[in-house]
Amino acid sequence: MLTQNSEKLIRSLAQRKNRKKTGLFVAEGMKLVRDFVSAGISADIVYHIDELDG
């Protein structure tokens, strides 16, 4: 379940100033996730939506 604070954070990352302030960004899609894992890049937070799982 996505908390209200988590949703606010995710929405705030649409703005460059918030990405710079937090050092976070949103990466969407399984291809990007697989590419990050292959490159050894770790994630701070991962959200998964079952309905979109292919």
PDB file of N, CA and C in Angstrom:
ATOM      1  N   MET A   1       0.844  -1.190   0.000  1.00  0.00           N
ATOM      2  CA  MET A   1       0.000   0.000   0.000  1.00  0.00           C
ATOM      3  C   MET A   1       0.882   1.244   0.000  1.00  0.00           C
ATOM      4  N   LEU A   2       0.571   2.150  -0.841  1.00  0.00           N
ATOM      5  CA  LEU A   2       1.315   3.396  -0.972  1.00  0.00           C
ATOM      6  C   LEU A   2       0.782   4.402   0.046  1.00  0.00           C
ATOM      7  N   THR A   3       1.673   4.905   0.895  1.00  0.00           N
ATOM      8  CA  THR A   3       1.249   5.892   1.883  1.00  0.00           C
ATOM      9  C   THR A   3       1.084   7.252   1.220  1.00  0.00           C
ATOM     10  N   GLN A   4       0.376   8.128   1.890  1.00  0.00           N
ATOM     11  CA  GLN A   4       0.165   9.475   1.359  1.00  0.00           C
ATOM     12  C   GLN A   4       1.495  10.211   1.235  1.00  0.00           C
ATOM     13  N   ASN A   5       2.395  10.026   2.205  1.00  0.00           N
ATOM     14  CA  ASN A   5       3.702  10.681   2.144  1.00  0.00           C
ATOM     15  C   ASN A   5       4.534  10.159   0.980  1.00  0.00           C
ATOM     16  N   SER A   6       4.465   8.853   0.728  1.00  0.00           N
ATOM     17  CA  SER A   6       5.201   8.275  -0.399  1.00  0.00           C
ATOM     18  C   SER A   6       4.673   8.813  -1.720  1.00  0.00           C
ATOM     19  N   GLU A   7       3.363   8.918  -1.816  1.00  0.00           N
ATOM     20  CA  GLU A   7       2.763   9.444  -3.043  1.00  0.00           C
ATOM     21  C   GLU A   7       3.181  10.895  -3.270  1.00  0.00           C
ATOM     22  N   LYS A   8       3.202  11.687  -2.211  1.00  0.00           N
ATOM     23  CA  LYS A   8       3.637  13.082  -2.327  1.00  0.00           C
ATOM     24  C   LYS A   8       5.088  13.161  -2.787  1.00  0.00           C
ATOM     25  N   LEU A   9       5.937  12.309  -2.225  1.00  0.00           N
ATOM     26  CA  LEU A   9       7.345  12.294  -2.617  1.00  0.00           C
ATOM     27  C   LEU A   9       7.484  11.958  -4.096  1.00  0.00           C
ATOM     28  N   ILE A  10       6.805  10.921  -4.536  1.00  0.00           N
ATOM     29  CA  ILE A  10       6.891  10.501  -5.936  1.00  0.00           C
ATOM     30  C   ILE A  10       6.429  11.624  -6.861  1.00  0.00           C
ATOM     31  N   ARG A  11       5.319  12.249  -6.528  1.00  0.00           N
ATOM     32  CA  ARG A  11       4.805  13.353  -7.355  1.00  0.00           C
ATOM     33  C   ARG A  11       5.774  14.533  -7.361  1.00  0.00           C
ATOM     34  N   SER A  12       6.417  14.786  -6.221  1.00  0.00           N
ATOM     35  CA  SER A  12       7.339  15.924  -6.138  1.00  0.00           C
ATOM     36  C   SER A  12       8.563  15.725  -7.023  1.00  0.00           C
ATOM     37  N   LEU A  13       8.909  14.473  -7.299  1.00  0.00           N
ATOM     38  CA  LEU A  13      10.093  14.188  -8.103  1.00  0.00           C
ATOM     39  C   LEU A  13       9.900  14.524  -9.581  1.00  0.00           C
ATOM     40  N   ALA A  14       8.708  14.940  -9.953  1.00  0.00           N
ATOM     41  CA  ALA A  14       8.480  15.416 -11.320  1.00  0.00           C
ATOM     42  C   ALA A  14       9.179  16.754 -11.540  1.00  0.00           C
ATOM     43  N   GLN A  15       9.472  17.454 -10.449  1.00  0.00           N
ATOM     44  CA  GLN A  15      10.150  18.748 -10.548  1.00  0.00           C
ATOM     45  C   GLN A  15      11.646  18.581 -10.311  1.00  0.00           C
ATOM     46  N   ARG A  16      12.411  19.200 -11.187  1.00  0.00           N
ATOM     47  CA  ARG A  16      13.873  19.095 -11.130  1.00  0.00           C
ATOM     48  C   ARG A  16      14.434  19.525  -9.772  1.00  0.00           C
ATOM     49  N   LYS A  17      13.903  20.608  -9.218  1.00  0.00           N
ATOM     50  CA  LYS A  17      14.432  21.111  -7.945  1.00  0.00           C
ATOM     51  C   LYS A  17      14.285  20.071  -6.836  1.00  0.00           C
ATOM     52  N   ASN A  18      13.207  19.305  -6.859  1.00  0.00           N
ATOM     53  CA  ASN A  18      13.008  18.271  -5.837  1.00  0.00           C
ATOM     54  C   ASN A  18      13.924  17.072  -6.062  1.00  0.00           C
ATOM     55  N   ARG A  19      14.195  16.740  -7.331  1.00  0.00           N
ATOM     56  CA  ARG A  19      15.144  15.660  -7.613  1.00  0.00           C
ATOM     57  C   ARG A  19      16.536  16.049  -7.147  1.00  0.00           C
ATOM     58  N   LYS A  20      16.913  17.304  -7.381  1.00  0.00           N
ATOM     59  CA  LYS A  20      18.236  17.775  -6.950  1.00  0.00           C
ATOM     60  C   LYS A  20      18.331  17.814  -5.427  1.00  0.00           C
ATOM     61  N   LYS A  21      17.252  18.261  -4.775  1.00  0.00           N
ATOM     62  CA  LYS A  21      17.244  18.384  -3.320  1.00  0.00           C
ATOM     63  C   LYS A  21      17.337  17.014  -2.642  1.00  0.00           C
ATOM     64  N   THR A  22      16.615  16.025  -3.170  1.00  0.00           N
ATOM     65  CA  THR A  22      16.572  14.708  -2.538  1.00  0.00           C
ATOM     66  C   THR A  22      17.636  13.750  -3.066  1.00  0.00           C
ATOM     67  N   GLY A  23      18.128  14.019  -4.274  1.00  0.00           N
ATOM     68  CA  GLY A  23      19.062  13.086  -4.895  1.00  0.00           C
ATOM     69  C   GLY A  23      18.368  11.837  -5.416  1.00  0.00           C
ATOM     70  N   LEU A  24      17.048  11.912  -5.558  1.00  0.00           N
ATOM     71  CA  LEU A  24      16.249  10.778  -6.016  1.00  0.00           C
ATOM     72  C   LEU A  24      15.648  11.074  -7.384  1.00  0.00           C
ATOM     73  N   PHE A  25      15.243  10.020  -8.084  1.00  0.00           N
ATOM     74  CA  PHE A  25      14.519  10.171  -9.342  1.00  0.00           C
ATOM     75  C   PHE A  25      13.626   8.961  -9.518  1.00  0.00           C
ATOM     76  N   VAL A  26      12.676   9.066 -10.426  1.00  0.00           N
ATOM     77  CA  VAL A  26      11.747   7.977 -10.705  1.00  0.00           C
ATOM     78  C   VAL A  26      12.175   7.296 -11.994  1.00  0.00           C
ATOM     79  N   ALA A  27      12.286   5.983 -11.958  1.00  0.00           N
ATOM     80  CA  ALA A  27      12.578   5.183 -13.148  1.00  0.00           C
ATOM     81  C   ALA A  27      11.421   4.203 -13.312  1.00  0.00           C
ATOM     82  N   GLU A  28      10.728   4.294 -14.419  1.00  0.00           N
ATOM     83  CA  GLU A  28       9.554   3.454 -14.631  1.00  0.00           C
ATOM     84  C   GLU A  28       9.828   2.389 -15.682  1.00  0.00           C
ATOM     85  N   GLY A  29       9.317   1.211 -15.429  1.00  0.00           N
ATOM     86  CA  GLY A  29       9.368   0.149 -16.417  1.00  0.00           C
ATOM     87  C   GLY A  29      10.350  -0.953 -16.071  1.00  0.00           C
ATOM     88  N   MET A  30       9.976  -2.153 -16.453  1.00  0.00           N
ATOM     89  CA  MET A  30      10.794  -3.325 -16.146  1.00  0.00           C
ATOM     90  C   MET A  30      12.143  -3.283 -16.852  1.00  0.00           C
ATOM     91  N   LYS A  31      12.199  -2.724 -18.057  1.00  0.00           N
ATOM     92  CA  LYS A  31      13.475  -2.674 -18.770  1.00  0.00           C
ATOM     93  C   LYS A  31      14.490  -1.856 -17.984  1.00  0.00           C
ATOM     94  N   LEU A  32      14.087  -0.694 -17.482  1.00  0.00           N
ATOM     95  CA  LEU A  32      15.007   0.123 -16.691  1.00  0.00           C
ATOM     96  C   LEU A  32      15.436  -0.596 -15.421  1.00  0.00           C
ATOM     97  N   VAL A  33      14.499  -1.253 -14.767  1.00  0.00           N
ATOM     98  CA  VAL A  33      14.836  -1.994 -13.547  1.00  0.00           C
ATOM     99  C   VAL A  33      15.859  -3.075 -13.865  1.00  0.00           C
ATOM    100  N   ARG A  34      15.638  -3.809 -14.931  1.00  0.00           N
ATOM    101  CA  ARG A  34      16.594  -4.859 -15.319  1.00  0.00           C
ATOM    102  C   ARG A  34      17.956  -4.268 -15.666  1.00  0.00           C
ATOM    103  N   ASP A  35      17.964  -3.150 -16.382  1.00  0.00           N
ATOM    104  CA  ASP A  35      19.227  -2.492 -16.735  1.00  0.00           C
ATOM    105  C   ASP A  35      19.979  -2.046 -15.486  1.00  0.00           C
ATOM    106  N   PHE A  36      19.272  -1.493 -14.515  1.00  0.00           N
ATOM    107  CA  PHE A  36      19.910  -1.061 -13.268  1.00  0.00           C
ATOM    108  C   PHE A  36      20.511  -2.248 -12.527  1.00  0.00           C
ATOM    109  N   VAL A  37      19.760  -3.333 -12.438  1.00  0.00           N
ATOM    110  CA  VAL A  37      20.258  -4.529 -11.747  1.00  0.00           C
ATOM    111  C   VAL A  37      21.490  -5.063 -12.463  1.00  0.00           C
ATOM    112  N   SER A  38      21.450  -5.124 -13.781  1.00  0.00           N
ATOM    113  CA  SER A  38      22.597  -5.604 -14.556  1.00  0.00           C
ATOM    114  C   SER A  38      23.827  -4.729 -14.364  1.00  0.00           C
ATOM    115  N   ALA A  39      23.602  -3.424 -14.180  1.00  0.00           N
ATOM    116  CA  ALA A  39      24.713  -2.484 -14.006  1.00  0.00           C
ATOM    117  C   ALA A  39      25.177  -2.393 -12.554  1.00  0.00           C
ATOM    118  N   GLY A  40      24.505  -3.118 -11.662  1.00  0.00           N
ATOM    119  CA  GLY A  40      24.893  -3.086 -10.253  1.00  0.00           C
ATOM    120  C   GLY A  40      24.423  -1.846  -9.515  1.00  0.00           C
ATOM    121  N   ILE A  41      23.436  -1.156 -10.064  1.00  0.00           N
ATOM    122  CA  ILE A  41      22.892   0.046  -9.431  1.00  0.00           C
ATOM    123  C   ILE A  41      21.801  -0.378  -8.454  1.00  0.00           C
ATOM    124  N   SER A  42      21.892   0.114  -7.230  1.00  0.00           N
ATOM    125  CA  SER A  42      20.886  -0.252  -6.234  1.00  0.00           C
ATOM    126  C   SER A  42      19.814   0.826  -6.136  1.00  0.00           C
ATOM    127  N   ALA A  43      18.647   0.423  -5.681  1.00  0.00           N
ATOM    128  CA  ALA A  43      17.515   1.338  -5.532  1.00  0.00           C
ATOM    129  C   ALA A  43      17.259   1.594  -4.056  1.00  0.00           C
ATOM    130  N   ASP A  44      16.866   2.817  -3.745  1.00  0.00           N
ATOM    131  CA  ASP A  44      16.466   3.143  -2.377  1.00  0.00           C
ATOM    132  C   ASP A  44      15.077   2.597  -2.086  1.00  0.00           C
ATOM    133  N   ILE A  45      14.172   2.767  -3.043  1.00  0.00           N
ATOM    134  CA  ILE A  45      12.783   2.345  -2.878  1.00  0.00           C
ATOM    135  C   ILE A  45      12.301   1.765  -4.205  1.00  0.00           C
ATOM    136  N   VAL A  46      11.542   0.671  -4.140  1.00  0.00           N
ATOM    137  CA  VAL A  46      10.947   0.084  -5.342  1.00  0.00           C
ATOM    138  C   VAL A  46       9.459  -0.126  -5.071  1.00  0.00           C
ATOM    139  N   TYR A  47       8.624   0.348  -5.987  1.00  0.00           N
ATOM    140  CA  TYR A  47       7.184   0.125  -5.911  1.00  0.00           C
ATOM    141  C   TYR A  47       6.784  -0.738  -7.096  1.00  0.00           C
ATOM    142  N   HIS A  48       5.868  -1.661  -6.861  1.00  0.00           N
ATOM    143  CA  HIS A  48       5.416  -2.579  -7.901  1.00  0.00           C
ATOM    144  C   HIS A  48       3.897  -2.595  -7.905  1.00  0.00           C
ATOM    145  N   ILE A  49       3.305  -2.515  -9.089  1.00  0.00           N
ATOM    146  CA  ILE A  49       1.854  -2.565  -9.227  1.00  0.00           C
ATOM    147  C   ILE A  49       1.505  -3.885  -9.903  1.00  0.00           C
ATOM    148  N   ASP A  50       0.808  -4.762  -9.180  1.00  0.00           N
ATOM    149  CA  ASP A  50       0.472  -6.084  -9.696  1.00  0.00           C
ATOM    150  C   ASP A  50      -0.326  -6.032 -10.993  1.00  0.00           C
ATOM    151  N   GLU A  51      -1.259  -5.114 -11.102  1.00  0.00           N
ATOM    152  CA  GLU A  51      -2.128  -5.055 -12.276  1.00  0.00           C
ATOM    153  C   GLU A  51      -1.351  -4.816 -13.563  1.00  0.00           C
ATOM    154  N   LEU A  52      -0.183  -4.193 -13.473  1.00  0.00           N
ATOM    155  CA  LEU A  52       0.598  -3.885 -14.666  1.00  0.00           C
ATOM    156  C   LEU A  52       1.665  -4.928 -14.957  1.00  0.00           C
ATOM    157  N   ASP A  53       1.789  -5.919 -14.094  1.00  0.00           N
ATOM    158  CA  ASP A  53       2.806  -6.951 -14.265  1.00  0.00           C
ATOM    159  C   ASP A  53       2.430  -7.813 -15.458  1.00  0.00           C
ATOM    160  N   GLY A  54       3.364  -7.927 -16.417  1.00  0.00           N
ATOM    161  CA  GLY A  54       3.064  -8.641 -17.646  1.00  0.00           C
ATOM    162  C   GLY A  54       3.470  -9.995 -17.665  1.00  0.00           C
TER     163      GLY A  54
END
